[in-house]
Amino acid sequence: MIGRDRYSRARQGSAKRAWMAAICAASAALAMAGCAGKVPEVKAPPVPAEPPVILEAAQIDRILGSLADDLEAAAAEMNAEPLENRVGGAALTMVTAQYAAKAANPDGEIFELGWKFADGCIVSLSREWPRSFVVVGESAEAEAPFIYQIQQADARSPYKLVAWARMLGGADVPPAAAPGVGSPQVGVNSDDGLRLSPAAALEAYAAAKQNPTAEQATLFDTAHAPDQPDRDPARGYWNALVQSLTAGVSALDDHKLTQNVTAVEGSVFAVATADGGALVFGQVKSTIDLSFRPQEGASVLLSPKGYTGLGATTLTVQQSAYLEYLQTVVLAVPPAGGEGPVRVIAVADVPVLVSVK
């Protein structure tokens, strides 16, 4: 009887354990089903706030203050490397060449890129990038101020100095289309309401620089002041340099001189002005390729205005020379139907490569 009771109790315990296991399994299944039903839905990320149309004055002050500090520090060291996150494009290429020239020839004539900015600027009205604002530097004694284009490539990028030039004597910057608010950006190929499109204006300038008698040269007039004999220093110097070298090789055997002046693709930026015209920034590349048969006693003197960075103001050419200049030019394009010419507001023409044999 005792054995049978133990067997009976063992069977009851086994059944109870099986029953409990079934309940636990069912509970686990229900718990899993309950958890599966509570998985949160994936929500779309919030829509970012619409970017502001233009910069506030306080933002501009901070940008210019920081940029001025970095430009001043780089100028003190004559080293452009620390400026790579503050200066870009043609501006960085040109200022690097300037520092190299100054280091090699401290007494040479070069542009001293300023870092003091005057109050007031033209800000582009745009929710699209890249977008820019224009500011003029403070006037130094006996020197015309610089004008600068500061650009932001996209919403997360820092503002960089991408173009600079020195104002011509007597020139002034046309006021913004909406003073205190900003000016709409003008499409580079748009001639709507303009005498010619910004891109066409830069191409015409390049053609006029290469050939002073070209039809395009009649579009420009930079005689801002009666005491300014040189209507455009950059074009005037370039033409004089080409004529001098042409005369220098004319009597030499197998001589060849080729010049080429072109508008740099993608360099144009333009904003509308109050008179219905446009303020246009752009870069021009100018090259001279010179060669002749080497012969004893034959040479040509080359004076690329002290910008060479090679430690000499005047170079002696005995066989060949290649010069490459990069220029920033700022133009004021009049509205369609306007009687005035395209005005050259500012220029900076810097040799960035000089190779002599």
Protein backbone atom coordinates (compact mmCIF):
# COMPACT_ATOMS: atom_id res chain seq x y z
CA MET A 1 0.00 0.00 0.00
CA ILE A 2 2.83 2.26 0.88
CA GLY A 3 4.46 1.74 -2.53
CA ARG A 4 1.20 2.31 -4.30
CA ASP A 5 0.64 5.59 -2.39
CA ARG A 6 4.10 6.79 -3.31
CA TYR A 7 3.49 5.97 -6.96
CA SER A 8 0.14 7.77 -6.88
CA ARG A 9 1.65 10.84 -5.27
CA ALA A 10 4.54 10.81 -7.81
CA ARG A 11 2.07 10.72 -10.68
CA GLN A 12 0.10 13.59 -9.18
CA GLY A 13 3.34 15.67 -8.74
CA SER A 14 4.37 14.97 -12.32
CA ALA A 15 0.97 16.03 -13.62
CA LYS A 16 1.07 19.18 -11.52
CA ARG A 17 4.53 20.08 -12.86
CA ALA A 18 3.38 19.53 -16.44
CA TRP A 19 0.31 21.66 -15.80
CA MET A 20 2.47 24.47 -14.34
CA ALA A 21 4.89 24.27 -17.27
CA ALA A 22 1.97 24.59 -19.69
CA ILE A 23 0.68 27.64 -17.85
CA CYS A 24 4.17 29.25 -17.87
CA ALA A 25 4.56 28.54 -21.58
CA ALA A 26 1.15 30.05 -22.31
CA SER A 27 1.96 33.06 -20.11
CA ALA A 28 5.26 33.55 -21.94
CA ALA A 29 3.51 33.36 -25.28
CA LEU A 30 0.93 35.92 -24.16
CA ALA A 31 3.70 38.16 -22.82
CA MET A 32 5.56 37.97 -26.13
CA ALA A 33 2.38 38.73 -28.01
CA GLY A 34 1.71 41.65 -25.68
CA CYS A 35 5.23 43.03 -26.22
CA ALA A 36 4.93 42.64 -29.96
CA GLY A 37 1.82 44.77 -29.92
CA LYS A 38 3.59 47.60 -28.06
CA VAL A 39 6.47 48.23 -30.55
CA PRO A 40 6.48 52.03 -31.10
CA GLU A 41 5.87 53.39 -34.57
CA VAL A 42 8.81 55.01 -36.39
CA LYS A 43 8.10 58.69 -36.77
CA ALA A 44 9.48 60.86 -39.55
CA PRO A 45 12.18 63.36 -38.42
CA PRO A 46 10.89 66.84 -37.70
CA VAL A 47 10.92 69.25 -40.61
CA PRO A 48 13.76 71.76 -40.09
CA ALA A 49 12.85 75.39 -39.66
CA GLU A 50 12.97 77.44 -42.83
CA PRO A 51 16.39 79.11 -43.11
CA PRO A 52 16.47 82.88 -42.77
CA VAL A 53 16.51 84.90 -45.98
CA ILE A 54 19.50 87.02 -44.95
CA LEU A 55 21.98 87.38 -42.13
CA GLU A 56 21.29 89.61 -39.17
CA ALA A 57 23.66 92.51 -38.47
CA ALA A 58 24.98 90.84 -35.33
CA GLN A 59 25.83 87.68 -37.30
CA ILE A 60 27.70 89.71 -39.92
CA ASP A 61 29.67 91.49 -37.20
CA ARG A 62 30.73 88.16 -35.70
CA ILE A 63 31.74 86.74 -39.08
CA LEU A 64 33.78 89.80 -40.04
CA GLY A 65 35.38 90.09 -36.61
CA SER A 66 36.59 86.50 -36.67
CA LEU A 67 37.76 86.77 -40.29
CA ALA A 68 39.66 89.99 -39.56
CA ASP A 69 41.54 88.32 -36.70
CA ASP A 70 42.61 85.41 -38.90
CA LEU A 71 43.65 87.65 -41.82
CA GLU A 72 45.73 89.84 -39.53
CA ALA A 73 47.46 86.83 -37.97
CA ALA A 74 48.23 85.30 -41.38
CA ALA A 75 49.60 88.61 -42.69
CA ALA A 76 51.92 88.90 -39.68
CA GLU A 77 53.40 85.49 -40.49
CA MET A 78 53.15 85.82 -44.30
CA ASN A 79 51.63 82.36 -44.30
CA ALA A 80 48.33 81.48 -46.00
CA GLU A 81 48.01 77.94 -44.62
CA PRO A 82 45.97 78.95 -41.52
CA LEU A 83 43.47 80.66 -43.83
CA GLU A 84 42.31 77.53 -45.66
CA ASN A 85 39.11 77.36 -43.58
CA ARG A 86 38.49 81.13 -43.84
CA VAL A 87 39.52 81.98 -47.40
CA GLY A 88 38.64 79.97 -50.51
CA GLY A 89 38.63 79.86 -54.28
CA ALA A 90 40.42 82.58 -56.22
CA ALA A 91 40.91 84.65 -53.06
CA LEU A 92 43.08 81.96 -51.46
CA THR A 93 45.11 81.41 -54.64
CA MET A 94 45.75 85.13 -54.97
CA VAL A 95 46.63 85.82 -51.34
CA THR A 96 48.98 82.81 -51.27
CA ALA A 97 50.81 84.24 -54.29
CA GLN A 98 50.95 87.63 -52.57
CA TYR A 99 52.53 86.25 -49.42
CA ALA A 100 55.10 84.32 -51.48
CA ALA A 101 55.95 87.47 -53.44
CA LYS A 102 56.31 89.56 -50.31
CA ALA A 103 58.55 86.99 -48.64
CA ALA A 104 60.81 86.74 -51.71
CA ASN A 105 60.91 90.47 -52.45
CA PRO A 106 59.92 92.57 -49.39
CA ASP A 107 60.28 95.83 -51.34
CA GLY A 108 58.25 94.66 -54.33
CA GLU A 109 54.97 96.29 -55.27
CA ILE A 110 52.07 94.05 -54.23
CA PHE A 111 48.53 94.42 -52.96
CA GLU A 112 48.48 94.43 -49.17
CA LEU A 113 45.22 92.60 -48.50
CA GLY A 114 43.49 94.56 -45.75
CA TRP A 115 41.49 93.14 -42.85
CA LYS A 116 39.57 96.14 -41.55
CA PHE A 117 35.96 96.25 -42.69
CA ALA A 118 33.78 99.34 -42.94
CA ASP A 119 30.19 99.56 -41.76
CA GLY A 120 27.46 98.74 -44.23
CA CYS A 121 27.26 95.94 -46.76
CA ILE A 122 25.09 94.36 -49.41
CA VAL A 123 23.57 91.03 -48.39
CA SER A 124 22.09 88.64 -50.92
CA LEU A 125 18.41 87.81 -50.47
CA SER A 126 18.31 84.05 -50.92
CA ARG A 127 17.24 80.82 -49.23
CA GLU A 128 19.49 78.90 -51.57
CA TRP A 129 23.21 78.20 -51.32
CA PRO A 130 25.83 79.27 -52.06
CA ARG A 131 24.94 82.74 -50.87
CA SER A 132 27.10 85.76 -50.20
CA PHE A 133 27.39 89.23 -48.83
CA VAL A 134 29.56 92.09 -50.04
CA VAL A 135 31.49 94.44 -47.78
CA VAL A 136 33.98 97.26 -48.36
CA GLY A 137 37.14 97.72 -46.30
CA GLU A 138 38.15 100.84 -44.47
CA SER A 139 39.99 103.44 -46.55
CA ALA A 140 43.69 103.70 -45.72
CA GLU A 141 45.56 106.94 -46.14
CA ALA A 142 46.39 107.55 -49.82
CA GLU A 143 45.02 104.11 -50.73
CA ALA A 144 41.69 102.99 -52.10
CA PRO A 145 39.81 100.40 -50.00
CA PHE A 146 39.26 96.77 -50.86
CA ILE A 147 35.89 95.22 -51.64
CA TYR A 148 35.21 91.64 -50.54
CA GLN A 149 32.78 88.84 -51.36
CA ILE A 150 32.07 86.58 -48.36
CA GLN A 151 30.34 83.29 -49.25
CA GLN A 152 28.70 80.37 -47.47
CA ALA A 153 28.73 77.18 -49.57
CA ASP A 154 25.89 75.47 -47.68
CA ALA A 155 23.91 75.75 -44.47
CA ARG A 156 26.57 73.99 -42.37
CA SER A 157 29.70 75.54 -43.91
CA PRO A 158 31.60 78.52 -42.50
CA TYR A 159 31.53 81.83 -44.33
CA LYS A 160 34.70 82.29 -46.39
CA LEU A 161 36.33 85.17 -48.23
CA VAL A 162 36.17 84.05 -51.88
CA ALA A 163 36.96 87.25 -53.81
CA TRP A 164 38.75 90.53 -53.15
CA ALA A 165 39.77 93.52 -55.25
CA ARG A 166 40.87 97.11 -54.75
CA MET A 167 38.39 99.86 -55.54
CA LEU A 168 39.38 102.16 -58.38
CA GLY A 169 39.90 105.84 -57.65
CA GLY A 170 36.59 107.70 -57.65
CA ALA A 171 34.52 104.49 -57.88
CA ASP A 172 31.61 103.84 -55.57
CA VAL A 173 29.54 100.73 -54.86
CA PRO A 174 25.96 100.98 -56.14
CA PRO A 175 23.45 100.81 -53.27
CA ALA A 176 21.52 97.63 -52.62
CA ALA A 177 18.17 97.13 -54.29
CA ALA A 178 16.53 97.06 -50.85
CA PRO A 179 18.68 99.08 -48.41
CA GLY A 180 18.84 97.53 -44.97
CA VAL A 181 17.14 94.36 -46.19
CA GLY A 182 19.32 92.89 -48.91
CA SER A 183 19.46 92.41 -52.66
CA PRO A 184 18.14 89.51 -54.71
CA GLN A 185 20.80 87.40 -56.36
CA VAL A 186 20.83 87.73 -60.15
CA GLY A 187 21.16 84.64 -62.34
CA VAL A 188 24.57 84.62 -63.99
CA ASN A 189 23.06 84.04 -67.44
CA SER A 190 20.00 86.22 -66.93
CA ASP A 191 19.78 89.48 -68.89
CA ASP A 192 16.24 90.20 -67.73
CA GLY A 193 16.17 93.95 -67.15
CA LEU A 194 19.95 94.28 -67.68
CA ARG A 195 22.03 95.65 -70.51
CA LEU A 196 23.74 92.23 -70.60
CA SER A 197 23.89 89.22 -68.33
CA PRO A 198 26.54 89.01 -65.57
CA ALA A 199 28.31 86.15 -67.37
CA ALA A 200 28.28 88.07 -70.67
CA ALA A 201 29.66 91.16 -68.91
CA LEU A 202 32.63 89.18 -67.55
CA GLU A 203 33.27 87.57 -70.94
CA ALA A 204 33.17 91.00 -72.60
CA TYR A 205 35.68 92.31 -70.06
CA ALA A 206 38.04 89.41 -70.83
CA ALA A 207 37.75 90.11 -74.57
CA ALA A 208 38.45 93.82 -73.99
CA LYS A 209 41.50 93.00 -71.88
CA GLN A 210 42.94 90.72 -74.55
CA ASN A 211 42.28 93.20 -77.35
CA PRO A 212 41.85 96.88 -76.41
CA THR A 213 40.46 97.63 -79.87
CA ALA A 214 37.81 94.90 -79.72
CA GLU A 215 34.17 95.89 -79.98
CA GLN A 216 33.61 94.76 -76.38
CA ALA A 217 36.01 97.45 -75.14
CA THR A 218 33.44 100.12 -76.00
CA LEU A 219 31.13 98.72 -73.30
CA PHE A 220 33.44 99.82 -70.47
CA ASP A 221 34.37 103.17 -68.99
CA THR A 222 36.28 103.48 -65.74
CA ALA A 223 37.12 107.19 -65.81
CA HIS A 224 35.52 107.86 -62.42
CA ALA A 225 37.60 110.93 -61.62
CA PRO A 226 39.11 113.67 -63.84
CA ASP A 227 42.57 113.10 -62.32
CA GLN A 228 42.56 109.39 -63.12
CA PRO A 229 44.50 109.03 -66.38
CA ASP A 230 44.43 105.22 -66.45
CA ARG A 231 40.89 104.10 -67.21
CA ASP A 232 41.58 100.55 -66.05
CA PRO A 233 44.97 99.78 -64.46
CA ALA A 234 44.64 96.01 -64.98
CA ARG A 235 43.86 96.24 -68.69
CA GLY A 236 46.36 99.06 -69.17
CA TYR A 237 49.20 97.16 -67.53
CA TRP A 238 48.42 93.92 -69.35
CA ASN A 239 48.41 95.60 -72.76
CA ALA A 240 51.69 97.38 -71.96
CA LEU A 241 53.29 94.08 -70.88
CA VAL A 242 52.19 92.29 -74.07
CA GLN A 243 53.45 95.15 -76.27
CA SER A 244 56.78 95.26 -74.44
CA LEU A 245 57.41 91.54 -74.82
CA THR A 246 56.28 91.58 -78.45
CA ALA A 247 58.79 94.32 -79.20
CA GLY A 248 61.49 92.47 -77.26
CA VAL A 249 61.27 89.28 -79.32
CA SER A 250 60.48 90.82 -82.69
CA ALA A 251 64.11 90.70 -83.87
CA LEU A 252 64.86 87.22 -82.50
CA ASP A 253 64.78 84.00 -84.50
CA ASP A 254 61.78 81.66 -84.28
CA HIS A 255 60.01 83.92 -81.84
CA LYS A 256 56.48 83.20 -80.71
CA LEU A 257 54.20 85.02 -78.29
CA THR A 258 50.68 83.92 -77.48
CA GLN A 259 48.36 85.63 -75.02
CA ASN A 260 45.02 84.30 -73.87
CA VAL A 261 42.48 86.02 -71.60
CA THR A 262 39.36 84.10 -70.53
CA ALA A 263 36.57 84.41 -67.99
CA VAL A 264 36.88 81.73 -65.29
CA GLU A 265 33.89 79.39 -65.51
CA GLY A 266 31.72 79.31 -62.40
CA SER A 267 33.28 82.44 -60.88
CA VAL A 268 30.39 84.88 -61.44
CA PHE A 269 28.28 86.21 -58.57
CA ALA A 270 25.79 89.05 -58.98
CA VAL A 271 23.21 90.93 -56.90
CA ALA A 272 20.61 93.48 -57.98
CA THR A 273 21.26 97.17 -57.34
CA ALA A 274 18.86 100.02 -56.59
CA ASP A 275 19.10 101.47 -60.11
CA GLY A 276 17.82 98.23 -61.66
CA GLY A 277 21.29 97.05 -62.62
CA ALA A 278 23.60 94.45 -61.08
CA LEU A 279 26.84 94.34 -59.12
CA VAL A 280 28.97 91.56 -60.61
CA PHE A 281 31.99 89.72 -59.20
CA GLY A 282 34.07 87.41 -61.40
CA GLN A 283 37.55 86.10 -62.14
CA VAL A 284 39.61 86.38 -65.31
CA LYS A 285 42.62 84.21 -66.18
CA SER A 286 45.32 85.79 -68.35
CA THR A 287 48.35 83.96 -69.77
CA ILE A 288 51.39 84.76 -71.89
CA ASP A 289 53.43 82.01 -73.55
CA LEU A 290 56.70 83.35 -74.96
CA SER A 291 59.57 81.54 -76.70
CA PHE A 292 62.43 82.16 -79.12
CA ARG A 293 65.54 80.34 -80.36
CA PRO A 294 68.33 80.56 -77.78
CA GLN A 295 71.30 82.49 -79.10
CA GLU A 296 74.36 84.06 -77.51
CA GLY A 297 73.71 87.54 -76.15
CA ALA A 298 69.97 87.43 -76.91
CA SER A 299 67.57 87.95 -74.01
CA VAL A 300 64.36 89.71 -73.08
CA LEU A 301 63.73 91.53 -69.81
CA LEU A 302 60.51 90.59 -68.05
CA SER A 303 59.08 92.82 -65.31
CA PRO A 304 55.90 91.21 -63.99
CA LYS A 305 55.28 94.06 -61.57
CA GLY A 306 57.16 92.54 -58.66
CA TYR A 307 54.62 89.77 -58.04
CA THR A 308 56.76 86.83 -59.11
CA GLY A 309 57.62 85.31 -55.75
CA LEU A 310 60.95 84.35 -57.35
CA GLY A 311 63.03 86.91 -55.50
CA ALA A 312 63.48 89.35 -58.39
CA THR A 313 61.51 92.25 -59.76
CA THR A 314 63.03 91.96 -63.25
CA LEU A 315 63.74 88.59 -64.85
CA THR A 316 65.95 87.80 -67.84
CA VAL A 317 64.38 85.52 -70.45
CA GLN A 318 66.90 83.61 -72.60
CA GLN A 319 64.63 81.04 -74.18
CA SER A 320 61.04 80.96 -72.93
CA ALA A 321 58.64 82.32 -70.35
CA TYR A 322 55.15 81.47 -69.18
CA LEU A 323 53.06 83.88 -67.10
CA GLU A 324 49.67 83.20 -65.55
CA TYR A 325 47.65 85.93 -63.87
CA LEU A 326 44.43 85.55 -61.90
CA GLN A 327 42.26 88.65 -61.69
CA THR A 328 39.16 89.56 -59.73
CA VAL A 329 37.06 92.23 -61.36
CA VAL A 330 33.94 93.90 -59.97
CA LEU A 331 31.52 95.44 -62.49
CA ALA A 332 28.40 97.55 -62.27
CA VAL A 333 26.11 96.49 -65.13
CA PRO A 334 23.44 99.11 -65.98
CA PRO A 335 19.78 98.28 -66.51
CA ALA A 336 18.46 97.57 -69.98
CA GLY A 337 17.98 100.75 -71.96
CA GLY A 338 20.40 102.64 -69.74
CA GLU A 339 22.77 105.04 -71.45
CA GLY A 340 25.71 104.54 -69.12
CA PRO A 341 28.58 102.10 -69.74
CA VAL A 342 29.46 99.02 -67.74
CA ARG A 343 31.55 100.47 -64.92
CA VAL A 344 34.64 98.74 -63.58
CA ILE A 345 34.39 99.21 -59.81
CA ALA A 346 37.44 97.30 -58.56
CA VAL A 347 40.28 95.09 -59.80
CA ALA A 348 43.07 92.88 -58.45
CA ASP A 349 45.37 91.22 -60.99
CA VAL A 350 47.95 88.88 -59.46
CA PRO A 351 50.60 86.68 -61.14
CA VAL A 352 50.11 83.22 -59.69
CA LEU A 353 52.65 81.38 -61.91
CA VAL A 354 55.82 82.65 -63.56
CA SER A 355 58.22 80.25 -65.26
CA VAL A 356 61.35 81.56 -67.00
CA LYS A 357 64.16 79.80 -68.86
